[in-house]
Protein backbone atom coordinates (compact mmCIF):
# COMPACT_ATOMS: atom_id res chain seq x y z
CA MET A 1 -0.22 -0.12 -0.17
CA SER A 2 1.13 3.60 -0.77
CA THR A 3 2.10 6.24 1.52
CA SER A 4 -1.01 8.04 0.04
CA ARG A 5 -3.19 5.35 0.51
CA GLN A 6 -1.97 4.65 4.23
CA GLU A 7 -2.76 7.96 5.41
CA THR A 8 -6.30 8.20 3.61
CA SER A 9 -6.80 4.88 5.53
CA ARG A 10 -5.52 6.32 8.83
CA GLY A 11 -7.83 9.48 8.15
CA VAL A 12 -10.92 7.43 7.48
CA LEU A 13 -10.36 5.38 10.81
CA TYR A 14 -9.72 8.67 12.50
CA ALA A 15 -13.05 10.34 11.20
CA VAL A 16 -15.30 7.37 12.05
CA GLY A 17 -13.91 7.24 15.40
CA ALA A 18 -14.81 11.25 16.10
CA PHE A 19 -17.86 11.31 14.86
CA PHE A 20 -19.16 7.97 16.79
CA ILE A 21 -18.33 9.47 19.75
CA TRP A 22 -19.71 12.54 18.44
CA GLY A 23 -22.90 10.36 17.99
CA LEU A 24 -23.27 9.31 21.89
CA PHE A 25 -22.68 12.99 22.85
CA PRO A 26 -26.66 13.48 24.08
CA LEU A 27 -25.84 10.73 26.42
CA TYR A 28 -23.41 12.50 28.18
CA TRP A 29 -24.67 15.96 28.19
CA LYS A 30 -28.31 14.92 29.17
CA PRO A 31 -27.29 14.07 32.86
CA LEU A 32 -26.42 17.82 33.04
CA HIS A 33 -29.62 19.40 32.14
CA ASP A 34 -29.62 21.04 35.20
CA VAL A 35 -26.45 23.11 34.42
CA PRO A 36 -26.52 26.15 32.64
CA ALA A 37 -25.35 25.58 29.07
CA LEU A 38 -22.60 28.17 29.46
CA GLN A 39 -21.48 26.85 32.46
CA ILE A 40 -21.32 23.35 30.59
CA LEU A 41 -19.46 25.25 27.75
CA CYS A 42 -17.03 26.90 30.10
CA HIS A 43 -16.02 23.62 32.08
CA ARG A 44 -15.29 22.06 28.75
CA ILE A 45 -12.92 24.85 27.57
CA VAL A 46 -11.14 24.90 30.84
CA TRP A 47 -10.90 21.36 31.62
CA SER A 48 -10.14 20.60 27.45
CA ALA A 49 -7.14 22.99 28.09
CA VAL A 50 -5.88 21.24 31.18
CA PHE A 51 -6.12 17.55 29.09
CA VAL A 52 -4.40 18.75 26.33
CA ALA A 53 -1.54 20.55 28.30
CA LEU A 54 -0.96 17.46 30.67
CA ILE A 55 -0.45 15.70 27.27
CA LEU A 56 1.89 18.03 26.02
CA LEU A 57 4.04 18.03 29.45
CA LEU A 58 4.19 14.27 29.43
CA GLN A 59 5.53 14.44 25.92
CA ARG A 60 7.57 17.74 26.49
CA ASN A 61 6.22 19.49 23.57
CA TRP A 62 6.04 23.16 24.39
CA GLY A 63 8.57 24.67 21.87
CA TRP A 64 5.87 24.88 18.97
CA LEU A 65 3.85 27.29 21.36
CA LEU A 66 5.68 30.26 21.56
CA ALA A 67 6.58 30.27 17.24
CA ALA A 68 2.88 30.12 16.99
CA LEU A 69 2.14 33.16 19.07
CA ARG A 70 4.29 35.06 16.98
CA ASP A 71 2.61 34.47 13.88
CA PRO A 72 -0.55 36.61 13.64
CA ARG A 73 -2.09 35.27 11.07
CA ARG A 74 -1.96 31.42 12.73
CA VAL A 75 -2.95 33.46 15.71
CA ALA A 76 -5.74 35.23 13.97
CA ILE A 77 -6.98 31.49 12.26
CA PHE A 78 -7.39 29.60 15.14
CA ALA A 79 -8.73 32.38 17.34
CA VAL A 80 -11.76 32.61 14.56
CA SER A 81 -11.43 28.63 14.68
CA SER A 82 -11.92 28.44 18.53
CA LEU A 83 -14.39 30.84 18.39
CA MET A 84 -16.77 28.52 15.86
CA LEU A 85 -15.94 25.63 17.79
CA SER A 86 -17.46 27.13 20.90
CA LEU A 87 -20.34 28.54 19.30
CA ASN A 88 -21.06 25.04 17.88
CA TRP A 89 -20.37 23.48 21.56
CA LEU A 90 -22.75 26.16 22.89
CA ILE A 91 -25.88 25.59 21.00
CA TYR A 92 -25.40 21.67 20.82
CA ILE A 93 -25.37 21.52 24.63
CA TRP A 94 -28.37 24.17 24.85
CA ALA A 95 -29.94 22.14 22.20
CA VAL A 96 -30.11 18.38 23.92
CA ASN A 97 -30.81 19.84 27.28
CA GLU A 98 -33.79 21.42 25.67
CA GLY A 99 -34.67 18.30 24.44
CA ARG A 100 -33.88 18.94 20.75
CA VAL A 101 -31.32 16.38 19.81
CA VAL A 102 -33.68 15.76 16.72
CA GLU A 103 -33.42 19.25 15.22
CA ALA A 104 -29.54 19.19 16.32
CA SER A 105 -29.02 15.84 14.43
CA LEU A 106 -30.58 17.78 11.50
CA GLY A 107 -27.78 20.55 11.71
CA TYR A 108 -24.93 17.52 11.11
CA PHE A 109 -26.80 15.84 8.37
CA ILE A 110 -26.74 19.33 6.57
CA ASN A 111 -23.41 20.03 7.69
CA PRO A 112 -21.63 17.45 4.71
CA LEU A 113 -23.20 19.85 2.05
CA VAL A 114 -22.20 22.85 3.85
CA ASN A 115 -18.78 21.28 3.57
CA VAL A 116 -18.95 20.50 -0.04
CA LEU A 117 -19.93 24.54 -0.77
CA LEU A 118 -16.73 25.66 1.54
CA GLY A 119 -14.61 23.42 -0.19
CA ARG A 120 -15.47 24.86 -3.24
CA LEU A 121 -15.54 28.19 -2.43
CA PHE A 122 -12.28 28.45 -0.43
CA LEU A 123 -10.35 25.41 -1.46
CA GLY A 124 -11.06 25.10 -5.07
CA GLU A 125 -12.64 21.74 -5.14
CA ARG A 126 -14.78 21.28 -8.07
CA LEU A 127 -18.34 21.31 -7.44
CA THR A 128 -19.73 18.12 -10.01
CA ARG A 129 -23.38 17.99 -10.92
CA PRO A 130 -24.35 15.18 -8.55
CA GLN A 131 -22.90 17.55 -5.77
CA ALA A 132 -25.23 21.00 -7.06
CA ALA A 133 -28.01 18.83 -7.37
CA ALA A 134 -27.53 17.18 -3.71
CA VAL A 135 -27.31 20.89 -2.50
CA ALA A 136 -30.24 21.75 -4.31
CA PHE A 137 -32.31 18.97 -2.58
CA ALA A 138 -30.76 19.73 0.87
CA THR A 139 -32.32 23.60 0.07
CA LEU A 140 -35.67 22.14 -0.63
CA GLY A 141 -35.63 19.89 2.77
CA VAL A 142 -34.71 23.23 4.83
CA GLY A 143 -37.14 25.28 2.93
CA TRP A 144 -39.87 22.63 3.80
CA LEU A 145 -39.14 22.38 7.21
CA THR A 146 -39.30 26.32 7.41
CA LEU A 147 -42.54 26.44 5.85
CA THR A 148 -44.19 23.89 7.99
CA ALA A 149 -42.75 24.73 11.37
CA GLY A 150 -43.33 28.76 10.48
CA SER A 151 -39.45 29.67 11.14
CA PRO A 152 -36.13 28.73 9.89
CA PRO A 153 -34.35 25.48 11.76
CA TRP A 154 -32.05 28.07 13.46
CA ILE A 155 -30.44 25.20 15.60
CA SER A 156 -29.82 23.14 12.57
CA LEU A 157 -28.22 25.72 10.28
CA SER A 158 -26.47 27.28 13.22
CA LEU A 159 -24.90 24.03 13.95
CA ALA A 160 -23.80 23.12 10.09
CA GLY A 161 -22.69 27.04 9.43
CA SER A 162 -20.55 26.81 12.50
CA PHE A 163 -18.94 23.30 12.11
CA GLY A 164 -18.28 23.85 8.57
CA ILE A 165 -16.45 26.77 9.02
CA TYR A 166 -14.42 24.83 11.75
CA GLY A 167 -13.57 22.48 9.75
CA LEU A 168 -12.31 24.38 6.89
CA LEU A 169 -10.44 26.35 9.23
CA ARG A 170 -8.63 23.32 10.71
CA LYS A 171 -7.95 21.93 6.89
CA LYS A 172 -6.19 25.19 6.66
CA ALA A 173 -4.38 25.49 9.76
CA THR A 174 -0.63 24.69 9.93
CA LEU A 175 -0.10 22.87 13.11
CA PRO A 176 -0.63 18.95 14.00
CA SER A 177 -3.77 18.09 15.46
CA LEU A 178 -2.71 18.17 19.25
CA GLU A 179 -0.82 21.37 19.02
CA GLY A 180 -3.91 22.90 17.20
CA LEU A 181 -6.63 21.96 19.74
CA ALA A 182 -4.21 23.03 22.36
CA LEU A 183 -3.68 26.81 20.88
CA GLU A 184 -7.46 26.53 20.15
CA THR A 185 -8.41 26.20 24.01
CA PHE A 186 -5.55 27.84 25.43
CA LEU A 187 -7.17 30.68 23.38
CA MET A 188 -10.53 30.35 25.32
CA THR A 189 -9.53 29.30 28.65
CA PRO A 190 -8.79 32.79 30.23
CA LEU A 191 -12.40 34.33 28.76
CA ALA A 192 -13.61 30.58 30.03
CA ALA A 193 -12.26 30.74 33.52
CA ILE A 194 -13.03 34.50 34.07
CA ALA A 195 -16.91 33.47 33.35
CA LEU A 196 -16.51 30.53 35.74
CA LEU A 197 -15.21 32.71 38.44
CA TRP A 198 -17.95 35.21 37.88
CA PHE A 199 -21.10 32.42 38.38
CA ASN A 200 -19.23 31.38 41.50
CA TRP A 201 -18.96 34.89 42.71
CA GLN A 202 -22.77 35.24 42.04
CA GLY A 203 -23.68 32.02 43.55
CA GLN A 204 -24.58 30.14 40.37
CA GLY A 205 -21.78 27.90 39.95
CA ALA A 206 -22.87 24.73 39.35
CA PHE A 207 -19.40 22.99 40.21
CA GLY A 208 -19.51 21.28 43.90
CA GLN A 209 -23.14 22.36 44.28
CA GLN A 210 -25.00 19.52 42.33
CA GLY A 211 -23.52 16.34 43.73
CA THR A 212 -20.43 14.31 43.22
CA ALA A 213 -21.54 12.86 39.74
CA THR A 214 -22.27 16.30 38.13
CA ASP A 215 -18.82 17.52 39.42
CA LEU A 216 -17.45 14.39 37.90
CA LEU A 217 -19.26 14.90 34.45
CA LEU A 218 -17.96 18.46 34.62
CA LEU A 219 -14.50 17.07 34.98
CA GLY A 220 -14.58 14.76 32.29
CA ALA A 221 -15.88 17.00 29.79
CA GLY A 222 -12.48 17.82 28.83
CA VAL A 223 -11.47 14.26 28.22
CA VAL A 224 -14.68 13.38 26.22
CA THR A 225 -14.00 16.82 24.41
CA ALA A 226 -10.54 16.47 23.53
CA ILE A 227 -10.41 12.84 22.09
CA PRO A 228 -12.64 13.25 19.36
CA LEU A 229 -11.53 16.44 18.67
CA LEU A 230 -8.22 15.05 17.95
CA LEU A 231 -9.22 12.24 16.26
CA PHE A 232 -11.50 14.68 13.88
CA ALA A 233 -8.48 17.05 13.39
CA SER A 234 -6.17 14.39 12.48
CA GLY A 235 -8.66 12.49 10.00
CA ALA A 236 -9.53 16.18 8.27
CA ARG A 237 -5.73 16.61 7.53
CA ARG A 238 -5.24 13.55 5.76
CA LEU A 239 -8.93 13.75 3.88
CA LYS A 240 -10.58 15.55 1.80
CA LEU A 241 -13.40 17.97 2.83
CA ALA A 242 -16.09 16.20 0.68
CA THR A 243 -14.63 12.80 2.43
CA VAL A 244 -14.77 13.83 5.98
CA GLY A 245 -18.35 15.05 5.10
CA LEU A 246 -19.70 11.79 3.88
CA ILE A 247 -18.07 9.98 7.49
CA GLN A 248 -19.87 12.30 9.19
CA TYR A 249 -23.28 10.92 8.46
CA LEU A 250 -22.53 8.12 11.45
CA GLY A 251 -22.54 10.84 13.93
CA PRO A 252 -25.91 12.30 13.19
CA THR A 253 -27.72 8.93 12.34
CA ILE A 254 -27.08 7.74 15.97
CA GLN A 255 -27.92 11.16 17.52
CA LEU A 256 -31.33 10.90 15.52
CA LEU A 257 -31.91 7.65 17.24
CA LEU A 258 -31.11 8.54 20.21
CA GLY A 259 -33.64 11.51 20.15
CA VAL A 260 -36.54 9.33 18.66
CA TRP A 261 -36.21 6.28 20.33
CA LEU A 262 -34.42 6.99 23.74
CA TYR A 263 -35.80 10.55 24.48
CA ASN A 264 -39.13 10.42 22.53
CA GLU A 265 -38.82 13.39 20.66
CA PRO A 266 -41.36 14.21 18.18
CA PHE A 267 -40.89 13.24 14.59
CA GLY A 268 -44.13 13.40 12.88
CA ASN A 269 -45.02 13.86 8.68
CA ASP A 270 -43.51 17.02 7.79
CA ARG A 271 -40.56 16.74 9.70
CA ALA A 272 -40.06 13.14 7.87
CA ILE A 273 -40.45 14.95 4.66
CA GLY A 274 -37.82 17.65 5.41
CA PHE A 275 -35.53 14.90 6.54
CA ALA A 276 -36.33 12.83 3.35
CA LEU A 277 -35.34 15.55 1.10
CA ILE A 278 -32.05 15.88 2.73
CA TRP A 279 -31.68 12.30 3.07
CA SER A 280 -32.07 12.25 -0.50
CA ALA A 281 -29.18 14.75 -1.36
CA LEU A 282 -26.94 12.86 0.89
CA ALA A 283 -27.84 9.72 -1.36
CA LEU A 284 -27.45 11.42 -4.14
CA TYR A 285 -24.03 12.93 -3.10
CA SER A 286 -22.11 9.96 -1.37
CA GLY A 287 -23.54 7.48 -4.40
CA ALA A 288 -21.63 9.73 -6.67
CA GLY A 289 -18.76 9.96 -4.80
CA LEU A 290 -18.84 6.49 -4.28
CA LEU A 291 -18.93 5.68 -8.17
CA SER A 292 -16.23 7.99 -8.61
CA TYR A 293 -13.89 5.97 -6.01
CA TRP A 294 -14.46 2.84 -7.75
CA LYS A 295 -13.76 4.12 -10.79
CA GLN A 296 -10.35 5.77 -9.82
CA ARG A 297 -9.50 2.36 -8.01
CA ARG A 298 -10.11 0.22 -11.26
CA LEU A 299 -7.89 2.86 -13.43
CA GLN A 300 -5.13 2.25 -10.88
CA GLN A 301 -5.47 -1.31 -10.61
CA ALA A 302 -5.46 -1.68 -14.69
């Protein structure tokens, strides 16, 4: 197997692992429904920074940090990516604990098509006819959901947009996965730590006030956050953005099943029609991608 194919295989493995873990995230955040979403977000940021700092300490891998901070362009990219990531986390946590897991899952079904558009606009990746048709079908699906609900599915669109931009920025970033995640969390940690201190000073802090189970979940947020992000960043650097989008179906599928079967969220006919249009778009997009992949493999083997 060539080096390129080995890297692609590794990228697929990393990406599958990341999206499988993300698919199970509602099981982690639901027990924290009594904690405000903003506090959970701040704990995620702080404990993620602690976790990656420990890894860097064990590896004695700090030499890159000063050089990275001296590069204004790099800092700017990571500042925006950390902002997009934090926004995505906040919206998702809020949605899960407000009983809107199904709507959150829709955002991650839409995201692969957002990735296609971003790849076309910013990375020069060609938008094929099947991909263009898939985007059109997805637009119809979102339009139908907006019409029947009376308002746009803002949770879904916000999640898709923020994570799509995050993926694009990580694709353009020049740091390895661990160092990149470290820089992102380090940039956001001062704000998150100040916010937690403010909550505690106001008597609104959840940590130490709602039992050992809650405290452990908040502490563990750093580990469960960092591991899939490291996997995702490693996978994204080895794969085309469109390929990452294809693998991403795993995460929202698990979330949708949890929302409907475990949490008994509504999934009526109107919502089913909207999802069906988006699933049709994804089927068209993924089918065209697989056909192209098989053709390339046959040419390579000929």
